[in-house]
Amino acid sequence: TTPTTPTTPSQPAATKVSWRMQMPFPAGFLFYESGNLLADYINEMSGGRITVTNNPSGSIVDGLKEMRAVHEGVLDLTMTGSHYHTSEIGMTGDLYNLYPAGLNPQEFFVWYYEGGGAALHQEMYDLKDLNVTAFLGAFTSAELFGWFANPVTSMADFQGMKFRTAGIWGEMLNEAGAAVVTMPGGEIYESMQRGVIDAFEFSTPGVDWSAGFHELGAYVHGPGIHAPQSAFEVLINSDKWNALPPDLQAIVLHACDAATIRSLAMVDYADMLGLQNLKDYGTKFVYLPEEVQKAIVVIANNKYDELAAADPFFAEVLTSQRDFAESYRAFKSFAQPDPDIMTYAG
């Protein structure tokens, strides 16, 4: 007799999906590269079973409309900032990105992953019945406080100042007496040059250097107490997410984790070089007086208390962050050496 060859049940074809991604930034922008990093990680880690194509602002949908497009399934995912869509998710979105006197990068990072921040992040969208699954995807340290025609020496200097900014920080500055002006980033240079505005804030040292703001002859101010960190979220259409098998879901999740860590290193390094470039150029540096920084902390927390009184979920997230910060700072202040002491003068 002729031996027979054992047969095995046929295996289902491996899942292969193509995802379209759009970010609210132009190609070549430093933060856009964080999105490219995530796309590359997903493509590589999935062995080609998921192909993510990143697209700049306006390529598929209007810029800053990415979250709504993901919800509706026009986009499969985005990497964006929650502060861009507070009109849909509420002011809690500001507690996840660029909020004055908030958690610093390491504090936010630990709170998000270990202190309950990730679960609250998803709840923020679920409460509004938005069809998105939320993760963290990129991270930066503090922005520059801003560029000013004249140095800021006290809070009184903000009176009548035509200051380009937006969001919750803009509301706080208005209450402090400034005349806040909102305009696209591409209009800042000429507006400052022509005196249409007296001051502006834009981004981190590396980004501001690449934008050429040092050529304006303005005073650059630090620290970025109005934006101690910037966390960029990854929002995936929940139908597309739920359609993935568990192994691909795990790959996407851990690709987001990896991109978050690597993007912080990438942007921090660019900002380190950017600050040195500003110094080498001869830019005029001003460090905000301590009394100004403390006044901003008071203004910010008064605003948060006001918002918390009107919004139970905002209050829940704010309390979570404040409680975490109190414990974390007590640990760090005792265990972590002072960097000034650790600096070797040679």
C-alpha atoms as a PDB file:
ATOM      1  CA  THR A   1       0.000   0.000   0.000  1.00  0.00           C
ATOM      2  CA  THR A   2       1.018   3.558  -0.580  1.00  0.00           C
ATOM      3  CA  PRO A   3       1.491   5.574   2.606  1.00  0.00           C
ATOM      4  CA  THR A   4      -0.775   8.568   2.883  1.00  0.00           C
ATOM      5  CA  THR A   5       0.394  12.061   3.760  1.00  0.00           C
ATOM      6  CA  PRO A   6      -1.186  13.408   6.949  1.00  0.00           C
ATOM      7  CA  THR A   7      -3.368  16.398   6.379  1.00  0.00           C
ATOM      8  CA  THR A   8      -3.892  19.375   8.666  1.00  0.00           C
ATOM      9  CA  PRO A   9      -6.901  21.630   8.837  1.00  0.00           C
ATOM     10  CA  SER A  10      -6.555  24.645   6.610  1.00  0.00           C
ATOM     11  CA  GLN A  11      -5.440  27.791   8.439  1.00  0.00           C
ATOM     12  CA  PRO A  12      -7.373  31.030   8.069  1.00  0.00           C
ATOM     13  CA  ALA A  13      -5.608  33.702   6.094  1.00  0.00           C
ATOM     14  CA  ALA A  14      -3.660  36.126   8.264  1.00  0.00           C
ATOM     15  CA  THR A  15      -5.489  39.377   8.932  1.00  0.00           C
ATOM     16  CA  LYS A  16      -4.231  42.227   6.754  1.00  0.00           C
ATOM     17  CA  VAL A  17      -5.546  45.739   7.130  1.00  0.00           C
ATOM     18  CA  SER A  18      -4.612  49.149   5.772  1.00  0.00           C
ATOM     19  CA  TRP A  19      -5.218  52.169   7.977  1.00  0.00           C
ATOM     20  CA  ARG A  20      -5.295  55.817   6.972  1.00  0.00           C
ATOM     21  CA  MET A  21      -3.965  58.231   9.564  1.00  0.00           C
ATOM     22  CA  GLN A  22      -3.943  62.028   9.564  1.00  0.00           C
ATOM     23  CA  MET A  23      -2.316  64.452  11.993  1.00  0.00           C
ATOM     24  CA  PRO A  24      -3.075  68.164  12.594  1.00  0.00           C
ATOM     25  CA  PHE A  25       0.472  69.116  11.550  1.00  0.00           C
ATOM     26  CA  PRO A  26       2.236  69.672   8.230  1.00  0.00           C
ATOM     27  CA  ALA A  27       4.761  67.197   6.859  1.00  0.00           C
ATOM     28  CA  GLY A  28       8.258  67.968   8.096  1.00  0.00           C
ATOM     29  CA  PHE A  29       7.029  69.436  11.380  1.00  0.00           C
ATOM     30  CA  LEU A  30       8.849  67.878  14.336  1.00  0.00           C
ATOM     31  CA  PHE A  31       5.652  66.528  15.911  1.00  0.00           C
ATOM     32  CA  TYR A  32       4.583  65.043  12.575  1.00  0.00           C
ATOM     33  CA  GLU A  33       7.674  62.861  12.782  1.00  0.00           C
ATOM     34  CA  SER A  34       6.260  61.341  15.978  1.00  0.00           C
ATOM     35  CA  GLY A  35       3.308  60.122  13.917  1.00  0.00           C
ATOM     36  CA  ASN A  36       5.652  58.659  11.317  1.00  0.00           C
ATOM     37  CA  LEU A  37       7.463  56.881  14.138  1.00  0.00           C
ATOM     38  CA  LEU A  38       4.228  55.278  15.345  1.00  0.00           C
ATOM     39  CA  ALA A  39       3.240  54.240  11.824  1.00  0.00           C
ATOM     40  CA  ASP A  40       6.659  52.658  11.269  1.00  0.00           C
ATOM     41  CA  TYR A  41       6.475  50.769  14.567  1.00  0.00           C
ATOM     42  CA  ILE A  42       3.030  49.342  13.809  1.00  0.00           C
ATOM     43  CA  ASN A  43       4.032  48.369  10.277  1.00  0.00           C
ATOM     44  CA  GLU A  44       7.258  46.692  11.419  1.00  0.00           C
ATOM     45  CA  MET A  45       5.958  45.014  14.577  1.00  0.00           C
ATOM     46  CA  SER A  46       2.939  43.575  12.776  1.00  0.00           C
ATOM     47  CA  GLY A  47       5.101  42.119  10.032  1.00  0.00           C
ATOM     48  CA  GLY A  48       3.054  43.965   7.441  1.00  0.00           C
ATOM     49  CA  ARG A  49      -0.301  42.663   8.684  1.00  0.00           C
ATOM     50  CA  ILE A  50      -1.206  46.273   9.450  1.00  0.00           C
ATOM     51  CA  THR A  51      -0.111  49.026   7.097  1.00  0.00           C
ATOM     52  CA  VAL A  52      -0.501  52.532   8.509  1.00  0.00           C
ATOM     53  CA  THR A  53      -0.067  55.483   6.158  1.00  0.00           C
ATOM     54  CA  ASN A  54       0.401  58.828   7.886  1.00  0.00           C
ATOM     55  CA  ASN A  55      -0.897  61.998   6.215  1.00  0.00           C
ATOM     56  CA  PRO A  56      -0.375  65.695   7.060  1.00  0.00           C
ATOM     57  CA  SER A  57      -3.086  68.142   8.103  1.00  0.00           C
ATOM     58  CA  GLY A  58      -5.748  68.736   5.449  1.00  0.00           C
ATOM     59  CA  SER A  59      -4.830  65.769   3.265  1.00  0.00           C
ATOM     60  CA  ILE A  60      -8.035  63.804   3.878  1.00  0.00           C
ATOM     61  CA  VAL A  61     -10.132  65.980   6.194  1.00  0.00           C
ATOM     62  CA  ASP A  62      -9.784  69.568   7.366  1.00  0.00           C
ATOM     63  CA  GLY A  63      -7.070  70.137   9.940  1.00  0.00           C
ATOM     64  CA  LEU A  64      -8.185  69.853  13.582  1.00  0.00           C
ATOM     65  CA  LYS A  65     -11.187  67.746  12.480  1.00  0.00           C
ATOM     66  CA  GLU A  66      -9.290  64.469  12.887  1.00  0.00           C
ATOM     67  CA  MET A  67     -11.046  63.225  16.023  1.00  0.00           C
ATOM     68  CA  ARG A  68     -14.509  63.615  14.490  1.00  0.00           C
ATOM     69  CA  ALA A  69     -13.274  61.921  11.301  1.00  0.00           C
ATOM     70  CA  VAL A  70     -12.013  58.935  13.307  1.00  0.00           C
ATOM     71  CA  HIS A  71     -15.345  58.711  15.136  1.00  0.00           C
ATOM     72  CA  GLU A  72     -17.190  58.667  11.799  1.00  0.00           C
ATOM     73  CA  GLY A  73     -14.781  56.183  10.193  1.00  0.00           C
ATOM     74  CA  VAL A  74     -13.466  58.601   7.567  1.00  0.00           C
ATOM     75  CA  LEU A  75     -10.034  58.170   9.180  1.00  0.00           C
ATOM     76  CA  ASP A  76      -8.928  54.952  10.830  1.00  0.00           C
ATOM     77  CA  LEU A  77      -6.739  56.711  13.385  1.00  0.00           C
ATOM     78  CA  THR A  78      -5.057  59.962  14.266  1.00  0.00           C
ATOM     79  CA  MET A  79      -2.357  61.237  16.573  1.00  0.00           C
ATOM     80  CA  THR A  80      -3.557  64.569  17.897  1.00  0.00           C
ATOM     81  CA  GLY A  81      -4.007  66.683  21.012  1.00  0.00           C
ATOM     82  CA  SER A  82      -7.135  66.439  23.165  1.00  0.00           C
ATOM     83  CA  HIS A  83      -7.092  70.229  23.611  1.00  0.00           C
ATOM     84  CA  TYR A  84      -8.060  70.552  19.937  1.00  0.00           C
ATOM     85  CA  HIS A  85     -11.550  69.129  20.481  1.00  0.00           C
ATOM     86  CA  THR A  86     -12.687  70.343  23.905  1.00  0.00           C
ATOM     87  CA  SER A  87     -15.847  71.631  22.188  1.00  0.00           C
ATOM     88  CA  GLU A  88     -16.854  67.973  21.826  1.00  0.00           C
ATOM     89  CA  ILE A  89     -15.305  66.274  24.866  1.00  0.00           C
ATOM     90  CA  GLY A  90     -15.404  69.100  27.399  1.00  0.00           C
ATOM     91  CA  MET A  91     -12.643  71.039  29.129  1.00  0.00           C
ATOM     92  CA  THR A  92     -11.273  67.814  30.637  1.00  0.00           C
ATOM     93  CA  GLY A  93      -9.418  67.493  27.338  1.00  0.00           C
ATOM     94  CA  ASP A  94      -7.167  70.319  28.492  1.00  0.00           C
ATOM     95  CA  LEU A  95      -6.012  68.211  31.460  1.00  0.00           C
ATOM     96  CA  TYR A  96      -4.429  65.788  28.982  1.00  0.00           C
ATOM     97  CA  ASN A  97      -2.428  68.309  26.962  1.00  0.00           C
ATOM     98  CA  LEU A  98      -0.752  71.684  27.382  1.00  0.00           C
ATOM     99  CA  TYR A  99      -2.441  72.867  30.544  1.00  0.00           C
ATOM    100  CA  PRO A 100      -0.878  75.628  32.658  1.00  0.00           C
ATOM    101  CA  ALA A 101       0.803  74.720  35.947  1.00  0.00           C
ATOM    102  CA  GLY A 102      -0.010  71.060  35.347  1.00  0.00           C
ATOM    103  CA  LEU A 103       1.973  67.864  35.775  1.00  0.00           C
ATOM    104  CA  ASN A 104       5.494  67.801  34.390  1.00  0.00           C
ATOM    105  CA  PRO A 105       6.427  65.160  31.777  1.00  0.00           C
ATOM    106  CA  GLN A 106       7.580  62.455  34.185  1.00  0.00           C
ATOM    107  CA  GLU A 107       4.635  63.060  36.521  1.00  0.00           C
ATOM    108  CA  PHE A 108       2.114  62.855  33.698  1.00  0.00           C
ATOM    109  CA  PHE A 109       3.784  59.777  32.264  1.00  0.00           C
ATOM    110  CA  VAL A 110       3.622  57.845  35.563  1.00  0.00           C
ATOM    111  CA  TRP A 111       0.101  59.101  36.367  1.00  0.00           C
ATOM    112  CA  TYR A 112      -1.137  58.048  32.937  1.00  0.00           C
ATOM    113  CA  TYR A 113       0.257  54.510  33.008  1.00  0.00           C
ATOM    114  CA  GLU A 114       0.120  53.687  36.717  1.00  0.00           C
ATOM    115  CA  GLY A 115      -2.084  56.286  38.408  1.00  0.00           C
ATOM    116  CA  GLY A 116      -5.352  55.766  36.553  1.00  0.00           C
ATOM    117  CA  GLY A 117      -4.859  58.303  33.774  1.00  0.00           C
ATOM    118  CA  ALA A 118      -5.271  55.824  30.912  1.00  0.00           C
ATOM    119  CA  ALA A 119      -8.680  54.569  32.103  1.00  0.00           C
ATOM    120  CA  LEU A 120      -9.920  58.137  32.614  1.00  0.00           C
ATOM    121  CA  HIS A 121      -8.633  58.998  29.132  1.00  0.00           C
ATOM    122  CA  GLN A 122     -10.907  56.381  27.563  1.00  0.00           C
ATOM    123  CA  GLU A 123     -13.797  57.335  29.837  1.00  0.00           C
ATOM    124  CA  MET A 124     -13.526  60.928  28.598  1.00  0.00           C
ATOM    125  CA  TYR A 125     -14.568  59.729  25.124  1.00  0.00           C
ATOM    126  CA  ASP A 126     -17.022  57.071  26.274  1.00  0.00           C
ATOM    127  CA  LEU A 127     -18.998  59.663  28.246  1.00  0.00           C
ATOM    128  CA  LYS A 128     -19.623  61.520  24.984  1.00  0.00           C
ATOM    129  CA  ASP A 129     -20.502  58.328  23.051  1.00  0.00           C
ATOM    130  CA  LEU A 130     -17.587  58.817  20.693  1.00  0.00           C
ATOM    131  CA  ASN A 131     -16.572  55.764  18.686  1.00  0.00           C
ATOM    132  CA  VAL A 132     -12.847  56.003  19.445  1.00  0.00           C
ATOM    133  CA  THR A 133     -10.320  53.928  21.377  1.00  0.00           C
ATOM    134  CA  ALA A 134      -7.709  56.114  23.042  1.00  0.00           C
ATOM    135  CA  PHE A 135      -4.022  55.586  23.804  1.00  0.00           C
ATOM    136  CA  LEU A 136      -0.963  57.729  24.386  1.00  0.00           C
ATOM    137  CA  GLY A 137       1.336  58.004  21.360  1.00  0.00           C
ATOM    138  CA  ALA A 138       3.834  60.848  21.726  1.00  0.00           C
ATOM    139  CA  PHE A 139       5.174  63.172  24.347  1.00  0.00           C
ATOM    140  CA  THR A 140       7.193  66.350  24.742  1.00  0.00           C
ATOM    141  CA  SER A 141       8.666  68.382  27.558  1.00  0.00           C
ATOM    142  CA  ALA A 142       7.730  71.999  28.281  1.00  0.00           C
ATOM    143  CA  GLU A 143       7.286  74.624  25.614  1.00  0.00           C
ATOM    144  CA  LEU A 144       9.006  77.976  25.714  1.00  0.00           C
ATOM    145  CA  PHE A 145       6.856  80.448  27.662  1.00  0.00           C
ATOM    146  CA  GLY A 146       6.861  82.776  24.687  1.00  0.00           C
ATOM    147  CA  TRP A 147       8.478  85.542  22.680  1.00  0.00           C
ATOM    148  CA  PHE A 148       7.936  89.164  23.747  1.00  0.00           C
ATOM    149  CA  ALA A 149       8.722  92.593  22.345  1.00  0.00           C
ATOM    150  CA  ASN A 150       9.706  93.611  25.888  1.00  0.00           C
ATOM    151  CA  PRO A 151      10.729  91.572  28.941  1.00  0.00           C
ATOM    152  CA  VAL A 152       8.011  90.457  31.365  1.00  0.00           C
ATOM    153  CA  THR A 153       8.895  91.535  34.904  1.00  0.00           C
ATOM    154  CA  SER A 154       5.471  91.378  36.591  1.00  0.00           C
ATOM    155  CA  MET A 155       1.871  90.337  35.938  1.00  0.00           C
ATOM    156  CA  ALA A 156       1.072  94.001  35.266  1.00  0.00           C
ATOM    157  CA  ASP A 157       3.039  93.705  32.016  1.00  0.00           C
ATOM    158  CA  PHE A 158       0.264  91.552  30.550  1.00  0.00           C
ATOM    159  CA  GLN A 159      -2.243  94.437  30.741  1.00  0.00           C
ATOM    160  CA  GLY A 160      -3.301  95.276  27.182  1.00  0.00           C
ATOM    161  CA  MET A 161      -0.653  92.994  25.681  1.00  0.00           C
ATOM    162  CA  LYS A 162      -1.674  91.610  22.272  1.00  0.00           C
ATOM    163  CA  PHE A 163      -0.711  88.005  22.906  1.00  0.00           C
ATOM    164  CA  ARG A 164      -1.074  85.218  20.357  1.00  0.00           C
ATOM    165  CA  THR A 165      -2.215  82.008  22.031  1.00  0.00           C
ATOM    166  CA  ALA A 166      -5.401  79.955  22.401  1.00  0.00           C
ATOM    167  CA  GLY A 167      -7.345  77.553  24.579  1.00  0.00           C
ATOM    168  CA  ILE A 168      -7.548  77.572  28.346  1.00  0.00           C
ATOM    169  CA  TRP A 169      -4.261  79.497  28.609  1.00  0.00           C
ATOM    170  CA  GLY A 170      -5.777  82.186  26.426  1.00  0.00           C
ATOM    171  CA  GLU A 171      -8.781  82.428  28.754  1.00  0.00           C
ATOM    172  CA  MET A 172      -6.464  82.832  31.733  1.00  0.00           C
ATOM    173  CA  LEU A 173      -4.453  85.567  30.006  1.00  0.00           C
ATOM    174  CA  ASN A 174      -7.621  87.426  29.087  1.00  0.00           C
ATOM    175  CA  GLU A 175      -8.631  87.382  32.729  1.00  0.00           C
ATOM    176  CA  ALA A 176      -5.157  88.704  33.585  1.00  0.00           C
ATOM    177  CA  GLY A 177      -5.754  91.703  31.312  1.00  0.00           C
ATOM    178  CA  ALA A 178      -4.124  90.610  28.053  1.00  0.00           C
ATOM    179  CA  ALA A 179      -5.772  91.006  24.653  1.00  0.00           C
ATOM    180  CA  VAL A 180      -5.508  87.455  23.350  1.00  0.00           C
ATOM    181  CA  VAL A 181      -5.260  86.985  19.596  1.00  0.00           C
ATOM    182  CA  THR A 182      -5.760  83.576  17.947  1.00  0.00           C
ATOM    183  CA  MET A 183      -4.095  82.951  14.583  1.00  0.00           C
ATOM    184  CA  PRO A 184      -2.522  80.035  12.688  1.00  0.00           C
ATOM    185  CA  GLY A 185       1.150  79.369  13.340  1.00  0.00           C
ATOM    186  CA  GLY A 186       2.040  80.388   9.805  1.00  0.00           C
ATOM    187  CA  GLU A 187       0.898  83.977  10.445  1.00  0.00           C
ATOM    188  CA  ILE A 188       2.907  84.557  13.620  1.00  0.00           C
ATOM    189  CA  TYR A 189       6.219  85.670  12.125  1.00  0.00           C
ATOM    190  CA  GLU A 190       4.821  88.460   9.966  1.00  0.00           C
ATOM    191  CA  SER A 191       2.318  89.555  12.630  1.00  0.00           C
ATOM    192  CA  MET A 192       5.082  89.984  15.206  1.00  0.00           C
ATOM    193  CA  GLN A 193       7.320  91.692  12.663  1.00  0.00           C
ATOM    194  CA  ARG A 194       4.598  94.217  11.780  1.00  0.00           C
ATOM    195  CA  GLY A 195       3.551  94.843  15.387  1.00  0.00           C
ATOM    196  CA  VAL A 196       0.113  93.291  14.979  1.00  0.00           C
ATOM    197  CA  ILE A 197       0.931  91.306  18.132  1.00  0.00           C
ATOM    198  CA  ASP A 198       3.245  92.122  21.037  1.00  0.00           C
ATOM    199  CA  ALA A 199       3.971  88.562  22.076  1.00  0.00           C
ATOM    200  CA  PHE A 200       3.257  84.958  21.199  1.00  0.00           C
ATOM    201  CA  GLU A 201       3.815  81.424  22.298  1.00  0.00           C
ATOM    202  CA  PHE A 202       4.154  78.589  19.846  1.00  0.00           C
ATOM    203  CA  SER A 203       6.082  75.483  20.803  1.00  0.00           C
ATOM    204  CA  THR A 204       9.299  73.933  22.082  1.00  0.00           C
ATOM    205  CA  PRO A 205      12.839  75.277  21.462  1.00  0.00           C
ATOM    206  CA  GLY A 206      13.565  72.982  18.522  1.00  0.00           C
ATOM    207  CA  VAL A 207      10.315  73.884  16.763  1.00  0.00           C
ATOM    208  CA  ASP A 208      10.623  77.617  17.465  1.00  0.00           C
ATOM    209  CA  TRP A 209      14.199  77.616  16.178  1.00  0.00           C
ATOM    210  CA  SER A 210      13.161  75.909  12.941  1.00  0.00           C
ATOM    211  CA  ALA A 211      10.379  78.504  12.527  1.00  0.00           C
ATOM    212  CA  GLY A 212      12.985  81.287  12.527  1.00  0.00           C
ATOM    213  CA  PHE A 213      11.486  83.209  15.451  1.00  0.00           C
ATOM    214  CA  HIS A 214      14.978  84.118  16.678  1.00  0.00           C
ATOM    215  CA  GLU A 215      15.248  86.465  13.688  1.00  0.00           C
ATOM    216  CA  LEU A 216      12.536  88.727  15.104  1.00  0.00           C
ATOM    217  CA  GLY A 217      14.794  90.231  17.760  1.00  0.00           C
ATOM    218  CA  ALA A 218      12.255  89.454  20.498  1.00  0.00           C
ATOM    219  CA  TYR A 219      12.944  88.299  24.040  1.00  0.00           C
ATOM    220  CA  VAL A 220      12.409  84.567  24.505  1.00  0.00           C
ATOM    221  CA  HIS A 221      11.036  83.672  27.938  1.00  0.00           C
ATOM    222  CA  GLY A 222      11.132  80.532  30.041  1.00  0.00           C
ATOM    223  CA  PRO A 223      10.120  78.382  31.754  1.00  0.00           C
ATOM    224  CA  GLY A 224       7.040  77.029  29.994  1.00  0.00           C
ATOM    225  CA  ILE A 225       4.820  77.092  33.049  1.00  0.00           C
ATOM    226  CA  HIS A 226       1.795  77.493  30.767  1.00  0.00           C
ATOM    227  CA  ALA A 227       2.594  74.127  29.142  1.00  0.00           C
ATOM    228  CA  PRO A 228       4.855  71.916  31.322  1.00  0.00           C
ATOM    229  CA  GLN A 229       4.294  68.946  29.010  1.00  0.00           C
ATOM    230  CA  SER A 230       2.461  68.004  25.865  1.00  0.00           C
ATOM    231  CA  ALA A 231       0.888  64.582  25.461  1.00  0.00           C
ATOM    232  CA  PHE A 232      -0.362  63.527  22.034  1.00  0.00           C
ATOM    233  CA  GLU A 233      -3.070  60.896  21.967  1.00  0.00           C
ATOM    234  CA  VAL A 234      -3.697  58.131  19.468  1.00  0.00           C
ATOM    235  CA  LEU A 235      -7.383  57.771  18.631  1.00  0.00           C
ATOM    236  CA  ILE A 236      -8.454  54.669  16.693  1.00  0.00           C
ATOM    237  CA  ASN A 237     -11.918  54.062  15.281  1.00  0.00           C
ATOM    238  CA  SER A 238     -13.398  51.554  17.731  1.00  0.00           C
ATOM    239  CA  ASP A 239     -14.983  49.417  15.011  1.00  0.00           C
ATOM    240  CA  LYS A 240     -11.574  49.053  13.356  1.00  0.00           C
ATOM    241  CA  TRP A 241      -9.947  48.369  16.726  1.00  0.00           C
ATOM    242  CA  ASN A 242     -12.498  45.709  17.709  1.00  0.00           C
ATOM    243  CA  ALA A 243     -12.086  43.987  14.341  1.00  0.00           C
ATOM    244  CA  LEU A 244      -8.417  43.268  15.065  1.00  0.00           C
ATOM    245  CA  PRO A 245      -7.478  39.871  16.519  1.00  0.00           C
ATOM    246  CA  PRO A 246      -5.986  39.987  20.045  1.00  0.00           C
ATOM    247  CA  ASP A 247      -2.375  39.647  18.866  1.00  0.00           C
ATOM    248  CA  LEU A 248      -2.652  42.664  16.558  1.00  0.00           C
ATOM    249  CA  GLN A 249      -4.368  44.676  19.275  1.00  0.00           C
ATOM    250  CA  ALA A 250      -1.417  43.909  21.540  1.00  0.00           C
ATOM    251  CA  ILE A 251       1.027  44.961  18.818  1.00  0.00           C
ATOM    252  CA  VAL A 252      -0.734  48.294  18.292  1.00  0.00           C
ATOM    253  CA  LEU A 253      -0.932  48.932  22.041  1.00  0.00           C
ATOM    254  CA  HIS A 254       2.762  48.283  22.586  1.00  0.00           C
ATOM    255  CA  ALA A 255       3.725  50.198  19.449  1.00  0.00           C
ATOM    256  CA  CYS A 256       1.947  53.184  21.021  1.00  0.00           C
ATOM    257  CA  ASP A 257       3.915  52.666  24.248  1.00  0.00           C
ATOM    258  CA  ALA A 258       7.199  52.453  22.350  1.00  0.00           C
ATOM    259  CA  ALA A 259       6.432  55.515  20.220  1.00  0.00           C
ATOM    260  CA  THR A 260       5.524  57.518  23.328  1.00  0.00           C
ATOM    261  CA  ILE A 261       8.891  56.847  24.962  1.00  0.00           C
ATOM    262  CA  ARG A 262      10.974  57.248  21.817  1.00  0.00           C
ATOM    263  CA  SER A 263       9.197  60.435  20.728  1.00  0.00           C
ATOM    264  CA  LEU A 264      10.005  62.094  24.048  1.00  0.00           C
ATOM    265  CA  ALA A 265      13.687  61.301  23.526  1.00  0.00           C
ATOM    266  CA  MET A 266      13.548  62.458  19.905  1.00  0.00           C
ATOM    267  CA  VAL A 267      11.845  65.779  20.651  1.00  0.00           C
ATOM    268  CA  ASP A 268      13.849  66.452  23.822  1.00  0.00           C
ATOM    269  CA  TYR A 269      17.087  65.977  21.885  1.00  0.00           C
ATOM    270  CA  ALA A 270      15.910  68.335  19.142  1.00  0.00           C
ATOM    271  CA  ASP A 271      14.905  70.873  21.807  1.00  0.00           C
ATOM    272  CA  MET A 272      18.285  70.617  23.524  1.00  0.00           C
ATOM    273  CA  LEU A 273      19.969  71.443  20.229  1.00  0.00           C
ATOM    274  CA  GLY A 274      17.386  74.104  19.455  1.00  0.00           C
ATOM    275  CA  LEU A 275      17.993  75.949  22.719  1.00  0.00           C
ATOM    276  CA  GLN A 276      21.725  75.904  22.089  1.00  0.00           C
ATOM    277  CA  ASN A 277      21.133  77.251  18.592  1.00  0.00           C
ATOM    278  CA  LEU A 278      19.126  80.130  20.070  1.00  0.00           C
ATOM    279  CA  LYS A 279      21.964  80.898  22.475  1.00  0.00           C
ATOM    280  CA  ASP A 280      24.591  80.750  19.730  1.00  0.00           C
ATOM    281  CA  TYR A 281      22.524  83.120  17.606  1.00  0.00           C
ATOM    282  CA  GLY A 282      22.528  85.699  20.384  1.00  0.00           C
ATOM    283  CA  THR A 283      18.842  85.509  21.260  1.00  0.00           C
ATOM    284  CA  LYS A 284      17.858  87.567  24.303  1.00  0.00           C
ATOM    285  CA  PHE A 285      16.796  85.224  27.132  1.00  0.00           C
ATOM    286  CA  VAL A 286      14.522  86.134  30.059  1.00  0.00           C
ATOM    287  CA  TYR A 287      13.655  83.797  32.932  1.00  0.00           C
ATOM    288  CA  LEU A 288      10.243  84.641  34.381  1.00  0.00           C
ATOM    289  CA  PRO A 289      10.453  86.086  37.911  1.00  0.00           C
ATOM    290  CA  GLU A 290       9.324  83.666  40.594  1.00  0.00           C
ATOM    291  CA  GLU A 291       6.425  85.925  41.595  1.00  0.00           C
ATOM    292  CA  VAL A 292       5.079  85.794  38.028  1.00  0.00           C
ATOM    293  CA  GLN A 293       5.308  82.015  37.961  1.00  0.00           C
ATOM    294  CA  LYS A 294       3.533  81.739  41.323  1.00  0.00           C
ATOM    295  CA  ALA A 295       0.811  84.123  40.159  1.00  0.00           C
ATOM    296  CA  ILE A 296       0.198  81.947  37.078  1.00  0.00           C
ATOM    297  CA  VAL A 297      -0.094  78.868  39.309  1.00  0.00           C
ATOM    298  CA  VAL A 298      -2.758  80.637  41.393  1.00  0.00           C
ATOM    299  CA  ILE A 299      -4.662  81.874  38.316  1.00  0.00           C
ATOM    300  CA  ALA A 300      -4.559  78.400  36.764  1.00  0.00           C
ATOM    301  CA  ASN A 301      -5.749  76.535  39.835  1.00  0.00           C
ATOM    302  CA  ASN A 302      -8.537  79.027  40.465  1.00  0.00           C
ATOM    303  CA  LYS A 303      -9.692  78.380  36.908  1.00  0.00           C
ATOM    304  CA  TYR A 304      -9.525  74.610  37.418  1.00  0.00           C
ATOM    305  CA  ASP A 305     -11.531  74.856  40.638  1.00  0.00           C
ATOM    306  CA  GLU A 306     -14.155  76.876  38.770  1.00  0.00           C
ATOM    307  CA  LEU A 307     -14.365  74.270  36.003  1.00  0.00           C
ATOM    308  CA  ALA A 308     -14.433  71.393  38.503  1.00  0.00           C
ATOM    309  CA  ALA A 309     -17.409  72.946  40.309  1.00  0.00           C
ATOM    310  CA  ALA A 310     -19.388  72.827  37.058  1.00  0.00           C
ATOM    311  CA  ASP A 311     -18.213  69.456  35.676  1.00  0.00           C
ATOM    312  CA  PRO A 312     -18.023  66.301  37.842  1.00  0.00           C
ATOM    313  CA  PHE A 313     -15.786  64.436  35.393  1.00  0.00           C
ATOM    314  CA  PHE A 314     -13.354  67.350  35.146  1.00  0.00           C
ATOM    315  CA  ALA A 315     -13.312  67.342  38.954  1.00  0.00           C
ATOM    316  CA  GLU A 316     -12.591  63.593  39.019  1.00  0.00           C
ATOM    317  CA  VAL A 317      -9.601  63.870  36.672  1.00  0.00           C
ATOM    318  CA  LEU A 318      -8.286  67.009  38.376  1.00  0.00           C
ATOM    319  CA  THR A 319      -8.490  65.386  41.827  1.00  0.00           C
ATOM    320  CA  SER A 320      -6.762  62.276  40.509  1.00  0.00           C
ATOM    321  CA  GLN A 321      -3.881  64.353  39.151  1.00  0.00           C
ATOM    322  CA  ARG A 322      -3.562  66.529  42.240  1.00  0.00           C
ATOM    323  CA  ASP A 323      -3.584  63.586  44.637  1.00  0.00           C
ATOM    324  CA  PHE A 324      -1.020  61.763  42.536  1.00  0.00           C
ATOM    325  CA  ALA A 325       1.224  64.832  42.256  1.00  0.00           C
ATOM    326  CA  GLU A 326       1.250  65.327  46.026  1.00  0.00           C
ATOM    327  CA  SER A 327       2.465  61.774  46.666  1.00  0.00           C
ATOM    328  CA  TYR A 328       4.825  61.618  43.703  1.00  0.00           C
ATOM    329  CA  ARG A 329       6.495  64.933  44.483  1.00  0.00           C
ATOM    330  CA  ALA A 330       7.022  63.907  48.107  1.00  0.00           C
ATOM    331  CA  PHE A 331       8.805  60.777  46.871  1.00  0.00           C
ATOM    332  CA  LYS A 332      10.902  62.599  44.265  1.00  0.00           C
ATOM    333  CA  SER A 333      11.883  65.496  46.533  1.00  0.00           C
ATOM    334  CA  PHE A 334      13.365  63.066  49.056  1.00  0.00           C
ATOM    335  CA  ALA A 335      14.819  60.372  46.793  1.00  0.00           C
ATOM    336  CA  GLN A 336      15.930  62.253  43.669  1.00  0.00           C
ATOM    337  CA  PRO A 337      19.217  64.211  43.882  1.00  0.00           C
ATOM    338  CA  ASP A 338      19.091  67.914  43.055  1.00  0.00           C
ATOM    339  CA  PRO A 339      20.359  68.288  39.436  1.00  0.00           C
ATOM    340  CA  ASP A 340      22.161  71.520  40.352  1.00  0.00           C
ATOM    341  CA  ILE A 341      24.173  69.662  42.984  1.00  0.00           C
ATOM    342  CA  MET A 342      24.800  66.776  40.596  1.00  0.00           C
ATOM    343  CA  THR A 343      26.280  69.093  37.944  1.00  0.00           C
ATOM    344  CA  TYR A 344      30.071  68.675  37.890  1.00  0.00           C
ATOM    345  CA  ALA A 345      31.798  71.973  37.277  1.00  0.00           C
ATOM    346  CA  GLY A 346      35.202  70.414  36.685  1.00  0.00           C
END
